[in-house]
Full PDB file with SEQRES, HELIX, SHEET, SSBOND, CRYST1, ORIGX, SCALE, CONECT and MASTER records, all heavy atoms in Angstrom:
SEQRES   1 A   39  GLU LEU ALA ALA ASP SER ASN GLY TYR TYR ILE VAL GLN          
SEQRES   2 A   39  PHE ALA GLY PRO GLY GLN GLU ALA TRP ILE ALA GLN VAL          
SEQRES   3 A   39  THR ASP LEU GLY GLY GLU LEU LEU ASP TYR ILE PRO ASP          
HELIX    1 AA1 GLU A   20  ASP A   28  1                                   9    
CRYST1    1.000    1.000    1.000  90.00  90.00  90.00 P 1           1          
ORIGX1      1.000000  0.000000  0.000000        0.00000                         
ORIGX2      0.000000  1.000000  0.000000        0.00000                         
ORIGX3      0.000000  0.000000  1.000000        0.00000                         
SCALE1      1.000000  0.000000  0.000000        0.00000                         
SCALE2      0.000000  1.000000  0.000000        0.00000                         
SCALE3      0.000000  0.000000  1.000000        0.00000                         
ATOM      1  N   GLU A   1     -23.416 -21.221   6.231  1.00  0.00           N  
ATOM      2  CA  GLU A   1     -22.945 -21.739   7.548  1.00  0.00           C  
ATOM      3  C   GLU A   1     -23.424 -23.302   7.684  1.00  0.00           C  
ATOM      4  O   GLU A   1     -24.581 -23.517   7.506  1.00  0.00           O  
ATOM      5  CB  GLU A   1     -23.401 -20.917   8.669  1.00  0.00           C  
ATOM      6  CG  GLU A   1     -22.689 -21.467   9.994  1.00  0.00           C  
ATOM      7  CD  GLU A   1     -23.172 -20.432  11.174  1.00  0.00           C  
ATOM      8  OE1 GLU A   1     -23.636 -19.371  10.851  1.00  0.00           O  
ATOM      9  OE2 GLU A   1     -22.808 -20.852  12.293  1.00  0.00           O  
ATOM     10  N   LEU A   2     -22.448 -24.134   8.059  1.00  0.00           N  
ATOM     11  CA  LEU A   2     -22.872 -25.506   8.206  1.00  0.00           C  
ATOM     12  C   LEU A   2     -23.209 -25.856   9.792  1.00  0.00           C  
ATOM     13  O   LEU A   2     -22.914 -25.092  10.553  1.00  0.00           O  
ATOM     14  CB  LEU A   2     -21.685 -26.424   7.806  1.00  0.00           C  
ATOM     15  CG  LEU A   2     -21.132 -26.258   6.397  1.00  0.00           C  
ATOM     16  CD1 LEU A   2     -19.850 -27.016   6.310  1.00  0.00           C  
ATOM     17  CD2 LEU A   2     -22.176 -26.869   5.532  1.00  0.00           C  
ATOM     18  N   ALA A   3     -23.904 -26.979   9.920  1.00  0.00           N  
ATOM     19  CA  ALA A   3     -24.266 -27.398  11.257  1.00  0.00           C  
ATOM     20  C   ALA A   3     -22.874 -27.767  11.922  1.00  0.00           C  
ATOM     21  O   ALA A   3     -21.943 -28.147  11.285  1.00  0.00           O  
ATOM     22  CB  ALA A   3     -25.185 -28.593  11.173  1.00  0.00           C  
ATOM     23  N   ALA A   4     -22.922 -27.665  13.152  1.00  0.00           N  
ATOM     24  CA  ALA A   4     -21.704 -27.771  14.019  1.00  0.00           C  
ATOM     25  C   ALA A   4     -21.077 -29.126  13.767  1.00  0.00           C  
ATOM     26  O   ALA A   4     -19.785 -29.245  13.858  1.00  0.00           O  
ATOM     27  CB  ALA A   4     -21.971 -27.599  15.497  1.00  0.00           C  
ATOM     28  N   ASP A   5     -21.855 -30.259  13.492  1.00  0.00           N  
ATOM     29  CA  ASP A   5     -21.289 -31.562  13.258  1.00  0.00           C  
ATOM     30  C   ASP A   5     -21.011 -31.962  11.788  1.00  0.00           C  
ATOM     31  O   ASP A   5     -20.626 -33.009  11.567  1.00  0.00           O  
ATOM     32  CB  ASP A   5     -22.116 -32.663  14.090  1.00  0.00           C  
ATOM     33  CG  ASP A   5     -23.625 -32.602  13.488  1.00  0.00           C  
ATOM     34  OD1 ASP A   5     -23.936 -31.704  12.678  1.00  0.00           O  
ATOM     35  OD2 ASP A   5     -24.217 -33.607  13.859  1.00  0.00           O  
ATOM     36  N   SER A   6     -21.304 -31.006  10.854  1.00  0.00           N  
ATOM     37  CA  SER A   6     -21.195 -31.151   9.525  1.00  0.00           C  
ATOM     38  C   SER A   6     -19.708 -30.959   9.104  1.00  0.00           C  
ATOM     39  O   SER A   6     -19.121 -29.996   9.372  1.00  0.00           O  
ATOM     40  CB  SER A   6     -22.073 -30.379   8.685  1.00  0.00           C  
ATOM     41  OG  SER A   6     -23.454 -30.603   9.092  1.00  0.00           O  
ATOM     42  N   ASN A   7     -19.148 -31.977   8.336  1.00  0.00           N  
ATOM     43  CA  ASN A   7     -17.865 -31.841   7.755  1.00  0.00           C  
ATOM     44  C   ASN A   7     -17.781 -30.738   6.722  1.00  0.00           C  
ATOM     45  O   ASN A   7     -18.716 -30.533   6.000  1.00  0.00           O  
ATOM     46  CB  ASN A   7     -17.345 -33.155   7.206  1.00  0.00           C  
ATOM     47  CG  ASN A   7     -16.931 -34.098   8.172  1.00  0.00           C  
ATOM     48  OD1 ASN A   7     -16.305 -33.814   9.242  1.00  0.00           O  
ATOM     49  ND2 ASN A   7     -17.225 -35.373   7.980  1.00  0.00           N  
ATOM     50  N   GLY A   8     -16.596 -30.120   6.646  1.00  0.00           N  
ATOM     51  CA  GLY A   8     -16.505 -29.181   5.600  1.00  0.00           C  
ATOM     52  C   GLY A   8     -14.946 -28.828   5.308  1.00  0.00           C  
ATOM     53  O   GLY A   8     -14.089 -29.388   6.000  1.00  0.00           O  
ATOM     54  N   TYR A   9     -14.629 -28.039   4.395  1.00  0.00           N  
ATOM     55  CA  TYR A   9     -13.312 -27.702   4.055  1.00  0.00           C  
ATOM     56  C   TYR A   9     -13.049 -26.038   4.446  1.00  0.00           C  
ATOM     57  O   TYR A   9     -13.963 -25.304   4.018  1.00  0.00           O  
ATOM     58  CB  TYR A   9     -12.959 -27.900   2.605  1.00  0.00           C  
ATOM     59  CG  TYR A   9     -12.949 -29.314   2.278  1.00  0.00           C  
ATOM     60  CD1 TYR A   9     -14.032 -30.032   1.902  1.00  0.00           C  
ATOM     61  CD2 TYR A   9     -11.738 -30.130   2.433  1.00  0.00           C  
ATOM     62  CE1 TYR A   9     -14.019 -31.393   1.637  1.00  0.00           C  
ATOM     63  CE2 TYR A   9     -11.699 -31.453   2.106  1.00  0.00           C  
ATOM     64  CZ  TYR A   9     -12.808 -32.002   1.682  1.00  0.00           C  
ATOM     65  OH  TYR A   9     -12.908 -33.451   1.260  1.00  0.00           O  
ATOM     66  N   TYR A  10     -12.151 -25.907   5.276  1.00  0.00           N  
ATOM     67  CA  TYR A  10     -11.866 -24.436   5.750  1.00  0.00           C  
ATOM     68  C   TYR A  10     -10.446 -24.155   5.397  1.00  0.00           C  
ATOM     69  O   TYR A  10      -9.534 -24.867   5.224  1.00  0.00           O  
ATOM     70  CB  TYR A  10     -12.073 -24.381   7.288  1.00  0.00           C  
ATOM     71  CG  TYR A  10     -13.498 -24.628   7.624  1.00  0.00           C  
ATOM     72  CD1 TYR A  10     -14.101 -25.849   7.635  1.00  0.00           C  
ATOM     73  CD2 TYR A  10     -14.311 -23.540   7.911  1.00  0.00           C  
ATOM     74  CE1 TYR A  10     -15.456 -26.002   8.036  1.00  0.00           C  
ATOM     75  CE2 TYR A  10     -15.605 -23.626   8.336  1.00  0.00           C  
ATOM     76  CZ  TYR A  10     -16.302 -24.946   8.405  1.00  0.00           C  
ATOM     77  OH  TYR A  10     -17.501 -25.001   8.715  1.00  0.00           O  
ATOM     78  N   ILE A  11     -10.217 -22.749   5.555  1.00  0.00           N  
ATOM     79  CA  ILE A  11      -8.879 -22.221   5.466  1.00  0.00           C  
ATOM     80  C   ILE A  11      -8.556 -21.762   6.874  1.00  0.00           C  
ATOM     81  O   ILE A  11      -9.297 -21.067   7.461  1.00  0.00           O  
ATOM     82  CB  ILE A  11      -8.671 -20.917   4.393  1.00  0.00           C  
ATOM     83  CG1 ILE A  11      -9.084 -21.381   3.012  1.00  0.00           C  
ATOM     84  CG2 ILE A  11      -7.322 -20.344   4.637  1.00  0.00           C  
ATOM     85  CD1 ILE A  11      -9.063 -20.201   2.147  1.00  0.00           C  
ATOM     86  N   VAL A  12      -7.410 -22.290   7.339  1.00  0.00           N  
ATOM     87  CA  VAL A  12      -6.856 -21.927   8.708  1.00  0.00           C  
ATOM     88  C   VAL A  12      -5.531 -21.172   8.500  1.00  0.00           C  
ATOM     89  O   VAL A  12      -4.616 -21.610   7.956  1.00  0.00           O  
ATOM     90  CB  VAL A  12      -6.683 -23.119   9.541  1.00  0.00           C  
ATOM     91  CG1 VAL A  12      -6.054 -22.630  10.963  1.00  0.00           C  
ATOM     92  CG2 VAL A  12      -7.905 -23.875   9.895  1.00  0.00           C  
ATOM     93  N   GLN A  13      -5.609 -19.873   9.018  1.00  0.00           N  
ATOM     94  CA  GLN A  13      -4.392 -19.009   8.809  1.00  0.00           C  
ATOM     95  C   GLN A  13      -3.641 -18.729  10.139  1.00  0.00           C  
ATOM     96  O   GLN A  13      -4.371 -18.335  11.007  1.00  0.00           O  
ATOM     97  CB  GLN A  13      -4.738 -17.663   8.052  1.00  0.00           C  
ATOM     98  CG  GLN A  13      -3.462 -16.918   7.691  1.00  0.00           C  
ATOM     99  CD  GLN A  13      -3.852 -15.587   6.996  1.00  0.00           C  
ATOM    100  OE1 GLN A  13      -4.772 -14.905   7.327  1.00  0.00           O  
ATOM    101  NE2 GLN A  13      -3.068 -15.218   5.925  1.00  0.00           N  
ATOM    102  N   PHE A  14      -2.393 -18.995  10.115  1.00  0.00           N  
ATOM    103  CA  PHE A  14      -1.725 -18.903  11.298  1.00  0.00           C  
ATOM    104  C   PHE A  14      -1.108 -17.393  11.361  1.00  0.00           C  
ATOM    105  O   PHE A  14      -1.112 -16.740  10.446  1.00  0.00           O  
ATOM    106  CB  PHE A  14      -0.496 -19.821  11.417  1.00  0.00           C  
ATOM    107  CG  PHE A  14      -0.991 -21.210  11.632  1.00  0.00           C  
ATOM    108  CD1 PHE A  14      -0.916 -22.247  10.561  1.00  0.00           C  
ATOM    109  CD2 PHE A  14      -1.520 -21.687  12.811  1.00  0.00           C  
ATOM    110  CE1 PHE A  14      -1.254 -23.649  10.752  1.00  0.00           C  
ATOM    111  CE2 PHE A  14      -2.064 -23.005  13.067  1.00  0.00           C  
ATOM    112  CZ  PHE A  14      -1.869 -23.961  11.983  1.00  0.00           C  
ATOM    113  N   ALA A  15      -0.709 -17.109  12.675  1.00  0.00           N  
ATOM    114  CA  ALA A  15      -0.033 -15.716  12.855  1.00  0.00           C  
ATOM    115  C   ALA A  15       1.324 -15.567  12.164  1.00  0.00           C  
ATOM    116  O   ALA A  15       1.811 -14.525  12.094  1.00  0.00           O  
ATOM    117  CB  ALA A  15       0.090 -15.431  14.369  1.00  0.00           C  
ATOM    118  N   GLY A  16       1.909 -16.667  11.741  1.00  0.00           N  
ATOM    119  CA  GLY A  16       3.162 -16.638  11.138  1.00  0.00           C  
ATOM    120  C   GLY A  16       3.351 -17.973  10.381  1.00  0.00           C  
ATOM    121  O   GLY A  16       2.440 -18.821  10.271  1.00  0.00           O  
ATOM    122  N   PRO A  17       4.547 -18.241   9.927  1.00  0.00           N  
ATOM    123  CA  PRO A  17       4.938 -19.558   9.316  1.00  0.00           C  
ATOM    124  C   PRO A  17       4.565 -20.745  10.340  1.00  0.00           C  
ATOM    125  O   PRO A  17       4.842 -20.568  11.510  1.00  0.00           O  
ATOM    126  CB  PRO A  17       6.471 -19.489   9.075  1.00  0.00           C  
ATOM    127  CG  PRO A  17       6.653 -17.993   8.874  1.00  0.00           C  
ATOM    128  CD  PRO A  17       5.674 -17.235   9.773  1.00  0.00           C  
ATOM    129  N   GLY A  18       3.734 -21.661   9.859  1.00  0.00           N  
ATOM    130  CA  GLY A  18       3.318 -22.694  10.720  1.00  0.00           C  
ATOM    131  C   GLY A  18       4.345 -23.456  11.594  1.00  0.00           C  
ATOM    132  O   GLY A  18       5.170 -24.181  11.037  1.00  0.00           O  
ATOM    133  N   GLN A  19       4.238 -23.236  12.860  1.00  0.00           N  
ATOM    134  CA  GLN A  19       5.176 -23.910  13.834  1.00  0.00           C  
ATOM    135  C   GLN A  19       4.631 -25.279  14.113  1.00  0.00           C  
ATOM    136  O   GLN A  19       3.340 -25.537  14.061  1.00  0.00           O  
ATOM    137  CB  GLN A  19       5.434 -23.180  15.054  1.00  0.00           C  
ATOM    138  CG  GLN A  19       6.041 -21.737  14.767  1.00  0.00           C  
ATOM    139  CD  GLN A  19       6.143 -21.046  16.046  1.00  0.00           C  
ATOM    140  OE1 GLN A  19       6.182 -21.663  17.246  1.00  0.00           O  
ATOM    141  NE2 GLN A  19       6.365 -19.693  15.911  1.00  0.00           N  
ATOM    142  N   GLU A  20       5.496 -26.289  14.449  1.00  0.00           N  
ATOM    143  CA  GLU A  20       4.958 -27.712  14.784  1.00  0.00           C  
ATOM    144  C   GLU A  20       3.944 -27.626  15.874  1.00  0.00           C  
ATOM    145  O   GLU A  20       2.919 -28.287  15.788  1.00  0.00           O  
ATOM    146  CB  GLU A  20       6.214 -28.524  15.046  1.00  0.00           C  
ATOM    147  CG  GLU A  20       7.062 -28.933  14.035  1.00  0.00           C  
ATOM    148  CD  GLU A  20       8.079 -29.972  14.352  1.00  0.00           C  
ATOM    149  OE1 GLU A  20       8.051 -30.495  15.507  1.00  0.00           O  
ATOM    150  OE2 GLU A  20       8.945 -30.122  13.596  1.00  0.00           O  
ATOM    151  N   ALA A  21       4.117 -26.785  16.853  1.00  0.00           N  
ATOM    152  CA  ALA A  21       3.209 -26.741  17.997  1.00  0.00           C  
ATOM    153  C   ALA A  21       1.830 -26.231  17.519  1.00  0.00           C  
ATOM    154  O   ALA A  21       0.800 -26.707  17.974  1.00  0.00           O  
ATOM    155  CB  ALA A  21       3.718 -25.948  19.123  1.00  0.00           C  
ATOM    156  N   TRP A  22       1.918 -25.221  16.636  1.00  0.00           N  
ATOM    157  CA  TRP A  22       0.655 -24.756  16.201  1.00  0.00           C  
ATOM    158  C   TRP A  22      -0.161 -25.599  15.372  1.00  0.00           C  
ATOM    159  O   TRP A  22      -1.363 -25.856  15.520  1.00  0.00           O  
ATOM    160  CB  TRP A  22       0.879 -23.430  15.334  1.00  0.00           C  
ATOM    161  CG  TRP A  22       1.544 -22.241  16.064  1.00  0.00           C  
ATOM    162  CD1 TRP A  22       1.805 -22.176  17.343  1.00  0.00           C  
ATOM    163  CD2 TRP A  22       2.035 -21.060  15.494  1.00  0.00           C  
ATOM    164  NE1 TRP A  22       2.374 -20.971  17.712  1.00  0.00           N  
ATOM    165  CE2 TRP A  22       2.475 -20.245  16.509  1.00  0.00           C  
ATOM    166  CE3 TRP A  22       1.897 -20.453  14.223  1.00  0.00           C  
ATOM    167  CZ2 TRP A  22       2.956 -18.969  16.277  1.00  0.00           C  
ATOM    168  CZ3 TRP A  22       2.362 -19.198  13.905  1.00  0.00           C  
ATOM    169  CH2 TRP A  22       2.927 -18.533  15.035  1.00  0.00           C  
ATOM    170  N   ILE A  23       0.473 -26.332  14.429  1.00  0.00           N  
ATOM    171  CA  ILE A  23      -0.108 -27.431  13.611  1.00  0.00           C  
ATOM    172  C   ILE A  23      -0.583 -28.479  14.433  1.00  0.00           C  
ATOM    173  O   ILE A  23      -1.702 -29.032  14.226  1.00  0.00           O  
ATOM    174  CB  ILE A  23       0.988 -27.890  12.578  1.00  0.00           C  
ATOM    175  CG1 ILE A  23       1.297 -26.764  11.610  1.00  0.00           C  
ATOM    176  CG2 ILE A  23       0.390 -29.130  11.883  1.00  0.00           C  
ATOM    177  CD1 ILE A  23       2.358 -27.127  10.557  1.00  0.00           C  
ATOM    178  N   ALA A  24       0.071 -28.922  15.466  1.00  0.00           N  
ATOM    179  CA  ALA A  24      -0.289 -29.978  16.445  1.00  0.00           C  
ATOM    180  C   ALA A  24      -1.686 -29.514  17.126  1.00  0.00           C  
ATOM    181  O   ALA A  24      -2.468 -30.410  17.371  1.00  0.00           O  
ATOM    182  CB  ALA A  24       0.739 -30.254  17.489  1.00  0.00           C  
ATOM    183  N   GLN A  25      -1.762 -28.259  17.475  1.00  0.00           N  
ATOM    184  CA  GLN A  25      -3.031 -27.849  17.992  1.00  0.00           C  
ATOM    185  C   GLN A  25      -4.275 -28.025  17.189  1.00  0.00           C  
ATOM    186  O   GLN A  25      -5.325 -28.447  17.572  1.00  0.00           O  
ATOM    187  CB  GLN A  25      -2.946 -26.250  18.357  1.00  0.00           C  
ATOM    188  CG  GLN A  25      -2.268 -25.832  19.656  1.00  0.00           C  
ATOM    189  CD  GLN A  25      -2.371 -24.386  19.868  1.00  0.00           C  
ATOM    190  OE1 GLN A  25      -2.174 -23.558  18.859  1.00  0.00           O  
ATOM    191  NE2 GLN A  25      -2.698 -23.951  21.109  1.00  0.00           N  
ATOM    192  N   VAL A  26      -4.080 -27.820  15.811  1.00  0.00           N  
ATOM    193  CA  VAL A  26      -5.171 -27.931  14.876  1.00  0.00           C  
ATOM    194  C   VAL A  26      -5.453 -29.425  14.689  1.00  0.00           C  
ATOM    195  O   VAL A  26      -6.660 -29.811  14.810  1.00  0.00           O  
ATOM    196  CB  VAL A  26      -4.783 -27.432  13.505  1.00  0.00           C  
ATOM    197  CG1 VAL A  26      -5.765 -27.739  12.508  1.00  0.00           C  
ATOM    198  CG2 VAL A  26      -4.646 -25.914  13.610  1.00  0.00           C  
ATOM    199  N   THR A  27      -4.375 -30.242  14.634  1.00  0.00           N  
ATOM    200  CA  THR A  27      -4.642 -31.710  14.515  1.00  0.00           C  
ATOM    201  C   THR A  27      -5.214 -32.296  15.792  1.00  0.00           C  
ATOM    202  O   THR A  27      -6.100 -33.163  15.709  1.00  0.00           O  
ATOM    203  CB  THR A  27      -3.441 -32.411  14.110  1.00  0.00           C  
ATOM    204  OG1 THR A  27      -2.349 -32.195  15.018  1.00  0.00           O  
ATOM    205  CG2 THR A  27      -2.848 -32.014  12.689  1.00  0.00           C  
ATOM    206  N   ASP A  28      -4.775 -31.750  16.968  1.00  0.00           N  
ATOM    207  CA  ASP A  28      -5.328 -32.296  18.145  1.00  0.00           C  
ATOM    208  C   ASP A  28      -6.846 -32.009  18.331  1.00  0.00           C  
ATOM    209  O   ASP A  28      -7.527 -32.656  19.021  1.00  0.00           O  
ATOM    210  CB  ASP A  28      -4.546 -31.708  19.277  1.00  0.00           C  
ATOM    211  CG  ASP A  28      -3.210 -32.267  19.588  1.00  0.00           C  
ATOM    212  OD1 ASP A  28      -2.959 -33.313  18.868  1.00  0.00           O  
ATOM    213  OD2 ASP A  28      -2.351 -31.704  20.246  1.00  0.00           O  
ATOM    214  N   LEU A  29      -7.321 -30.804  17.668  1.00  0.00           N  
ATOM    215  CA  LEU A  29      -8.701 -30.522  17.748  1.00  0.00           C  
ATOM    216  C   LEU A  29      -9.540 -31.239  16.676  1.00  0.00           C  
ATOM    217  O   LEU A  29     -10.707 -30.932  16.496  1.00  0.00           O  
ATOM    218  CB  LEU A  29      -8.770 -28.997  17.647  1.00  0.00           C  
ATOM    219  CG  LEU A  29      -8.367 -28.120  18.861  1.00  0.00           C  
ATOM    220  CD1 LEU A  29      -8.301 -26.737  18.575  1.00  0.00           C  
ATOM    221  CD2 LEU A  29      -9.329 -28.452  20.064  1.00  0.00           C  
ATOM    222  N   GLY A  30      -8.786 -32.065  15.889  1.00  0.00           N  
ATOM    223  CA  GLY A  30      -9.530 -32.907  14.898  1.00  0.00           C  
ATOM    224  C   GLY A  30      -9.336 -32.450  13.418  1.00  0.00           C  
ATOM    225  O   GLY A  30     -10.009 -33.005  12.536  1.00  0.00           O  
ATOM    226  N   GLY A  31      -8.543 -31.351  13.150  1.00  0.00           N  
ATOM    227  CA  GLY A  31      -8.298 -30.862  11.817  1.00  0.00           C  
ATOM    228  C   GLY A  31      -7.407 -31.815  11.006  1.00  0.00           C  
ATOM    229  O   GLY A  31      -6.435 -32.450  11.546  1.00  0.00           O  
ATOM    230  N   GLU A  32      -7.718 -31.975   9.809  1.00  0.00           N  
ATOM    231  CA  GLU A  32      -6.816 -32.757   8.910  1.00  0.00           C  
ATOM    232  C   GLU A  32      -6.279 -31.816   7.811  1.00  0.00           C  
ATOM    233  O   GLU A  32      -7.112 -31.283   6.997  1.00  0.00           O  
ATOM    234  CB  GLU A  32      -7.685 -33.810   8.212  1.00  0.00           C  
ATOM    235  CG  GLU A  32      -6.765 -34.732   7.240  1.00  0.00           C  
ATOM    236  CD  GLU A  32      -7.659 -35.770   6.618  1.00  0.00           C  
ATOM    237  OE1 GLU A  32      -8.839 -35.875   6.821  1.00  0.00           O  
ATOM    238  OE2 GLU A  32      -7.135 -36.572   5.777  1.00  0.00           O  
ATOM    239  N   LEU A  33      -5.005 -31.475   7.863  1.00  0.00           N  
ATOM    240  CA  LEU A  33      -4.419 -30.573   6.964  1.00  0.00           C  
ATOM    241  C   LEU A  33      -4.111 -31.109   5.634  1.00  0.00           C  
ATOM    242  O   LEU A  33      -3.536 -32.278   5.595  1.00  0.00           O  
ATOM    243  CB  LEU A  33      -2.957 -30.005   7.636  1.00  0.00           C  
ATOM    244  CG  LEU A  33      -3.111 -28.857   8.567  1.00  0.00           C  
ATOM    245  CD1 LEU A  33      -3.752 -29.359   9.882  1.00  0.00           C  
ATOM    246  CD2 LEU A  33      -1.740 -28.273   8.926  1.00  0.00           C  
ATOM    247  N   LEU A  34      -4.598 -30.429   4.603  1.00  0.00           N  
ATOM    248  CA  LEU A  34      -4.502 -31.000   3.210  1.00  0.00           C  
ATOM    249  C   LEU A  34      -3.571 -30.385   2.398  1.00  0.00           C  
ATOM    250  O   LEU A  34      -2.592 -31.004   1.809  1.00  0.00           O  
ATOM    251  CB  LEU A  34      -5.862 -30.994   2.610  1.00  0.00           C  
ATOM    252  CG  LEU A  34      -7.037 -31.786   3.347  1.00  0.00           C  
ATOM    253  CD1 LEU A  34      -8.348 -31.561   2.719  1.00  0.00           C  
ATOM    254  CD2 LEU A  34      -6.662 -33.368   3.355  1.00  0.00           C  
ATOM    255  N   ASP A  35      -3.679 -29.090   2.182  1.00  0.00           N  
ATOM    256  CA  ASP A  35      -2.840 -28.209   1.153  1.00  0.00           C  
ATOM    257  C   ASP A  35      -2.332 -26.979   1.983  1.00  0.00           C  
ATOM    258  O   ASP A  35      -3.069 -26.357   2.622  1.00  0.00           O  
ATOM    259  CB  ASP A  35      -3.599 -27.937  -0.063  1.00  0.00           C  
ATOM    260  CG  ASP A  35      -4.053 -29.236  -0.683  1.00  0.00           C  
ATOM    261  OD1 ASP A  35      -3.269 -29.994  -1.150  1.00  0.00           O  
ATOM    262  OD2 ASP A  35      -5.278 -29.335  -0.804  1.00  0.00           O  
ATOM    263  N   TYR A  36      -1.151 -26.559   1.594  1.00  0.00           N  
ATOM    264  CA  TYR A  36      -0.635 -25.204   2.046  1.00  0.00           C  
ATOM    265  C   TYR A  36      -1.174 -24.199   1.043  1.00  0.00           C  
ATOM    266  O   TYR A  36      -1.316 -24.395  -0.010  1.00  0.00           O  
ATOM    267  CB  TYR A  36       0.844 -25.208   2.031  1.00  0.00           C  
ATOM    268  CG  TYR A  36       1.418 -23.815   2.358  1.00  0.00           C  
ATOM    269  CD1 TYR A  36       1.381 -23.457   3.735  1.00  0.00           C  
ATOM    270  CD2 TYR A  36       1.901 -22.979   1.314  1.00  0.00           C  
ATOM    271  CE1 TYR A  36       1.803 -22.192   4.008  1.00  0.00           C  
ATOM    272  CE2 TYR A  36       2.354 -21.737   1.716  1.00  0.00           C  
ATOM    273  CZ  TYR A  36       2.256 -21.188   2.941  1.00  0.00           C  
ATOM    274  OH  TYR A  36       2.791 -20.036   3.310  1.00  0.00           O  
ATOM    275  N   ILE A  37      -1.573 -23.069   1.762  1.00  0.00           N  
ATOM    276  CA  ILE A  37      -1.979 -21.873   1.064  1.00  0.00           C  
ATOM    277  C   ILE A  37      -1.197 -20.672   1.395  1.00  0.00           C  
ATOM    278  O   ILE A  37      -1.200 -20.374   2.787  1.00  0.00           O  
ATOM    279  CB  ILE A  37      -3.634 -21.645   1.251  1.00  0.00           C  
ATOM    280  CG1 ILE A  37      -4.464 -22.850   0.777  1.00  0.00           C  
ATOM    281  CG2 ILE A  37      -3.977 -20.236   0.515  1.00  0.00           C  
ATOM    282  CD1 ILE A  37      -5.801 -22.718   1.120  1.00  0.00           C  
ATOM    283  N   PRO A  38      -0.604 -19.988   0.583  1.00  0.00           N  
ATOM    284  CA  PRO A  38       0.091 -18.799   0.993  1.00  0.00           C  
ATOM    285  C   PRO A  38      -0.903 -17.682   1.306  1.00  0.00           C  
ATOM    286  O   PRO A  38      -1.862 -17.578   0.646  1.00  0.00           O  
ATOM    287  CB  PRO A  38       0.966 -18.461  -0.164  1.00  0.00           C  
ATOM    288  CG  PRO A  38       0.219 -19.056  -1.464  1.00  0.00           C  
ATOM    289  CD  PRO A  38      -0.334 -20.356  -0.851  1.00  0.00           C  
ATOM    290  N   ASP A  39      -0.559 -16.847   2.341  1.00  0.00           N  
ATOM    291  CA  ASP A  39       0.577 -16.900   3.251  1.00  0.00           C  
ATOM    292  C   ASP A  39       0.137 -17.545   4.581  1.00  0.00           C  
ATOM    293  O   ASP A  39      -0.877 -17.185   5.192  1.00  0.00           O  
ATOM    294  CB  ASP A  39       1.127 -15.507   3.577  1.00  0.00           C  
ATOM    295  CG  ASP A  39       1.843 -14.812   2.296  1.00  0.00           C  
ATOM    296  OD1 ASP A  39       1.899 -15.482   1.313  1.00  0.00           O  
ATOM    297  OD2 ASP A  39       2.101 -13.594   2.437  1.00  0.00           O  
TER     298      ASP A  39                                                      
MASTER        0    0    0    1    0    0    0    6  297    1    0    3          
END                                                                             
């Protein structure tokens, strides 16, 4: 586990195919989406 302010790479899995509003939530919270991972 990293410190709260330490950068890292994570997998974020949505409840279904990524909707624009869902992706916007992640980016609004500071996330930078890099690569798609199925599913």
